Amino acid sequence: MNPSSAAGLAAALLFARGRPEGLALLPNDLATARASFRAALICLPMFLVMRLLSWGTRGTPEADIPYAVVVELISYTLSWTAFAVVSLPLAAQAGRAEQWPQFMAAWNWTNVVQFLLLVAMALLAALGLPGWVANMLGLAALGYAVWLEWFVVRVALNVSGGTAALFVVTDLILGLFIGGYSARLLAG
């Protein structure tokens, strides 16, 4: 692992504990932002594990498996990159375009923490945790993930809580749209 990945993961662990000093580990430059997309490669196996666990508990998609895997991989890539593309003009609108590279790095690396949490919840559910307990834990994990993203936006872009919430809502809407569209492709 190269130093920028180690710094990114260290920053994400600090953010995960609500510690804004993680931002100091991420230089505010485009090279850092570009390098932070390595987080997508780190999260890819976790994403695939979650999909396999989902297919194991809910049944495989109606489409054949190779097609389903390709659709899921495209959806994963689009979900990851769409927010990056949309967040730059949002940051500019908030008067924080010059902080966007550092924000993007923080956002990318924090996704590793979110994926670890989601995989842990999916594994617990797959191991036979009672449905209501799995649902409660899943809801708590989702709430924490939303808070974590909000915290990173607020700290990295130095914006108000309301402005940070708009970034989070934008990310959620993009994810729901892309996920819904891929689900439609897999349904028939």
Protein backbone atom coordinates (compact mmCIF):
# COMPACT_ATOMS: atom_id res chain seq x y z
CA MET A 1 0.00 0.00 0.00
CA ASN A 2 1.45 3.38 -0.94
CA PRO A 3 1.72 6.27 1.53
CA SER A 4 -1.28 8.15 0.15
CA SER A 5 -3.49 5.09 0.64
CA ALA A 6 -2.22 4.65 4.19
CA ALA A 7 -2.88 8.33 4.93
CA GLY A 8 -6.32 8.09 3.36
CA LEU A 9 -7.27 5.08 5.44
CA ALA A 10 -5.90 6.73 8.59
CA ALA A 11 -7.93 9.85 7.81
CA ALA A 12 -11.06 7.73 7.30
CA LEU A 13 -10.57 6.05 10.67
CA LEU A 14 -10.29 9.45 12.34
CA PHE A 15 -13.42 10.69 10.56
CA ALA A 16 -15.23 7.51 11.60
CA ARG A 17 -14.68 8.53 15.22
CA GLY A 18 -15.85 12.09 14.59
CA ARG A 19 -12.35 13.53 14.58
CA PRO A 20 -11.90 16.33 12.03
CA GLU A 21 -8.09 16.22 12.29
CA GLY A 22 -8.19 13.43 9.71
CA LEU A 23 -8.41 16.20 7.14
CA ALA A 24 -4.80 17.20 7.90
CA LEU A 25 -3.64 13.83 6.50
CA LEU A 26 -5.07 14.62 3.05
CA PRO A 27 -3.31 17.28 0.98
CA ASN A 28 -5.66 19.56 -0.91
CA ASP A 29 -4.55 18.77 -4.47
CA LEU A 30 -5.82 16.92 -7.51
CA ALA A 31 -3.17 14.19 -7.16
CA THR A 32 -4.58 13.30 -3.74
CA ALA A 33 -8.14 13.35 -5.09
CA ARG A 34 -7.16 11.10 -8.02
CA ALA A 35 -5.26 8.69 -5.77
CA SER A 36 -8.23 8.47 -3.42
CA PHE A 37 -10.22 6.59 -6.05
CA ARG A 38 -8.11 3.59 -5.02
CA ALA A 39 -10.70 3.33 -2.27
CA ALA A 40 -13.14 2.10 -4.93
CA LEU A 41 -10.78 -0.80 -5.68
CA ILE A 42 -10.47 -1.59 -1.98
CA CYS A 43 -14.26 -1.57 -1.60
CA LEU A 44 -14.99 -3.60 -4.74
CA PRO A 45 -14.50 -7.03 -3.11
CA MET A 46 -16.73 -5.94 -0.22
CA PHE A 47 -19.38 -4.80 -2.69
CA LEU A 48 -19.24 -8.17 -4.45
CA VAL A 49 -19.51 -10.02 -1.12
CA MET A 50 -22.59 -7.98 -0.25
CA ARG A 51 -24.16 -8.78 -3.62
CA LEU A 52 -23.44 -12.50 -3.23
CA LEU A 53 -24.88 -12.49 0.29
CA SER A 54 -27.94 -10.67 -0.98
CA TRP A 55 -28.40 -13.17 -3.79
CA GLY A 56 -27.94 -16.00 -1.29
CA THR A 57 -30.69 -14.74 1.00
CA ARG A 58 -33.10 -13.15 -1.49
CA GLY A 59 -32.45 -15.37 -4.48
CA THR A 60 -30.44 -14.75 -7.60
CA PRO A 61 -31.62 -12.15 -10.09
CA GLU A 62 -33.90 -13.20 -12.93
CA ALA A 63 -31.13 -12.33 -15.39
CA ASP A 64 -28.28 -14.79 -15.86
CA ILE A 65 -25.38 -14.43 -13.41
CA PRO A 66 -22.68 -13.08 -15.80
CA TYR A 67 -25.11 -10.39 -17.01
CA ALA A 68 -26.08 -9.57 -13.42
CA VAL A 69 -22.44 -9.23 -12.38
CA VAL A 70 -21.74 -6.87 -15.30
CA VAL A 71 -24.79 -4.74 -14.45
CA GLU A 72 -23.76 -4.62 -10.78
CA LEU A 73 -20.19 -3.63 -11.67
CA ILE A 74 -21.39 -0.85 -13.97
CA SER A 75 -23.80 0.34 -11.30
CA TYR A 76 -21.00 0.32 -8.71
CA THR A 77 -18.73 2.36 -10.96
CA LEU A 78 -21.47 4.84 -11.84
CA SER A 79 -22.50 5.26 -8.21
CA TRP A 80 -18.94 5.95 -7.19
CA THR A 81 -18.14 8.40 -9.98
CA ALA A 82 -21.49 10.17 -10.37
CA PHE A 83 -21.23 11.86 -7.00
CA ALA A 84 -17.68 12.97 -7.76
CA VAL A 85 -18.87 14.62 -10.97
CA VAL A 86 -21.94 16.23 -9.39
CA SER A 87 -20.19 17.36 -6.20
CA LEU A 88 -17.73 19.68 -7.97
CA PRO A 89 -20.38 22.15 -9.20
CA LEU A 90 -22.13 21.83 -5.82
CA ALA A 91 -18.88 22.76 -4.08
CA ALA A 92 -18.44 25.68 -6.49
CA GLN A 93 -22.00 26.84 -5.79
CA ALA A 94 -21.17 26.76 -2.06
CA GLY A 95 -18.03 28.82 -2.74
CA ARG A 96 -15.78 25.88 -1.86
CA ALA A 97 -14.47 24.67 -5.24
CA GLU A 98 -10.86 25.09 -4.12
CA GLN A 99 -11.49 22.63 -1.26
CA TRP A 100 -13.08 20.02 -3.52
CA PRO A 101 -9.94 17.87 -4.07
CA GLN A 102 -9.44 17.40 -0.33
CA PHE A 103 -13.16 16.81 0.16
CA MET A 104 -13.24 14.20 -2.61
CA ALA A 105 -10.29 12.38 -1.06
CA ALA A 106 -11.98 12.41 2.35
CA TRP A 107 -15.26 11.22 0.86
CA ASN A 108 -13.63 8.40 -1.11
CA TRP A 109 -11.58 7.07 1.80
CA THR A 110 -14.51 7.29 4.21
CA ASN A 111 -16.41 4.94 1.90
CA VAL A 112 -14.03 2.17 3.02
CA VAL A 113 -15.32 2.52 6.59
CA GLN A 114 -18.91 2.55 5.35
CA PHE A 115 -18.39 -0.59 3.27
CA LEU A 116 -16.75 -2.41 6.18
CA LEU A 117 -19.76 -1.61 8.32
CA LEU A 118 -22.22 -2.69 5.64
CA VAL A 119 -20.39 -5.98 5.04
CA ALA A 120 -20.38 -6.68 8.78
CA MET A 121 -24.15 -6.11 8.90
CA ALA A 122 -24.72 -8.28 5.82
CA LEU A 123 -22.62 -11.10 7.32
CA LEU A 124 -24.53 -10.95 10.60
CA ALA A 125 -27.82 -11.13 8.71
CA ALA A 126 -26.58 -14.04 6.57
CA LEU A 127 -25.49 -15.95 9.67
CA GLY A 128 -29.09 -16.18 10.81
CA LEU A 129 -29.55 -13.15 13.02
CA PRO A 130 -33.27 -12.74 13.75
CA GLY A 131 -34.88 -10.52 11.12
CA TRP A 132 -35.90 -7.74 13.47
CA VAL A 133 -32.39 -7.57 15.00
CA ALA A 134 -30.78 -7.51 11.55
CA ASN A 135 -33.19 -4.76 10.49
CA MET A 136 -32.44 -2.67 13.59
CA LEU A 137 -28.69 -3.08 13.12
CA GLY A 138 -29.02 -2.28 9.43
CA LEU A 139 -30.97 0.88 10.24
CA ALA A 140 -28.36 1.92 12.80
CA ALA A 141 -25.57 1.26 10.27
CA LEU A 142 -27.38 3.31 7.64
CA GLY A 143 -27.88 6.16 10.09
CA TYR A 144 -24.22 6.10 11.03
CA ALA A 145 -23.15 6.02 7.36
CA VAL A 146 -25.35 9.05 6.59
CA TRP A 147 -23.97 10.89 9.62
CA LEU A 148 -20.39 10.03 8.61
CA GLU A 149 -20.88 11.36 5.10
CA TRP A 150 -22.51 14.52 6.48
CA PHE A 151 -19.62 14.97 8.93
CA VAL A 152 -17.02 14.61 6.16
CA VAL A 153 -18.82 17.11 3.91
CA ARG A 154 -19.18 19.61 6.74
CA VAL A 155 -15.53 19.31 7.82
CA ALA A 156 -13.81 18.98 4.44
CA LEU A 157 -15.74 21.75 2.72
CA ASN A 158 -16.17 23.85 5.87
CA VAL A 159 -19.88 24.36 5.21
CA SER A 160 -22.94 24.57 7.42
CA GLY A 161 -24.83 21.47 8.49
CA GLY A 162 -27.68 22.33 6.12
CA THR A 163 -25.37 22.65 3.14
CA ALA A 164 -23.68 19.37 4.09
CA ALA A 165 -27.11 17.74 4.23
CA LEU A 166 -27.78 18.85 0.63
CA PHE A 167 -24.61 17.04 -0.49
CA VAL A 168 -25.68 13.89 1.36
CA VAL A 169 -29.20 14.00 -0.07
CA THR A 170 -27.73 14.45 -3.56
CA ASP A 171 -25.53 11.38 -3.05
CA LEU A 172 -28.47 9.34 -1.75
CA ILE A 173 -30.68 10.35 -4.68
CA LEU A 174 -27.96 9.44 -7.19
CA GLY A 175 -27.47 6.07 -5.48
CA LEU A 176 -31.19 5.32 -5.41
CA PHE A 177 -31.59 6.27 -9.07
CA ILE A 178 -28.64 4.17 -10.24
CA GLY A 179 -29.57 1.25 -7.98
CA GLY A 180 -33.20 1.36 -9.09
CA TYR A 181 -32.24 1.42 -12.74
CA SER A 182 -29.87 -1.52 -12.35
CA ALA A 183 -32.55 -3.43 -10.43
CA ARG A 184 -34.91 -2.89 -13.38
CA LEU A 185 -32.26 -4.22 -15.76
CA LEU A 186 -31.85 -7.31 -13.60
CA ALA A 187 -35.60 -7.92 -13.26
CA GLY A 188 -36.14 -8.80 -16.82
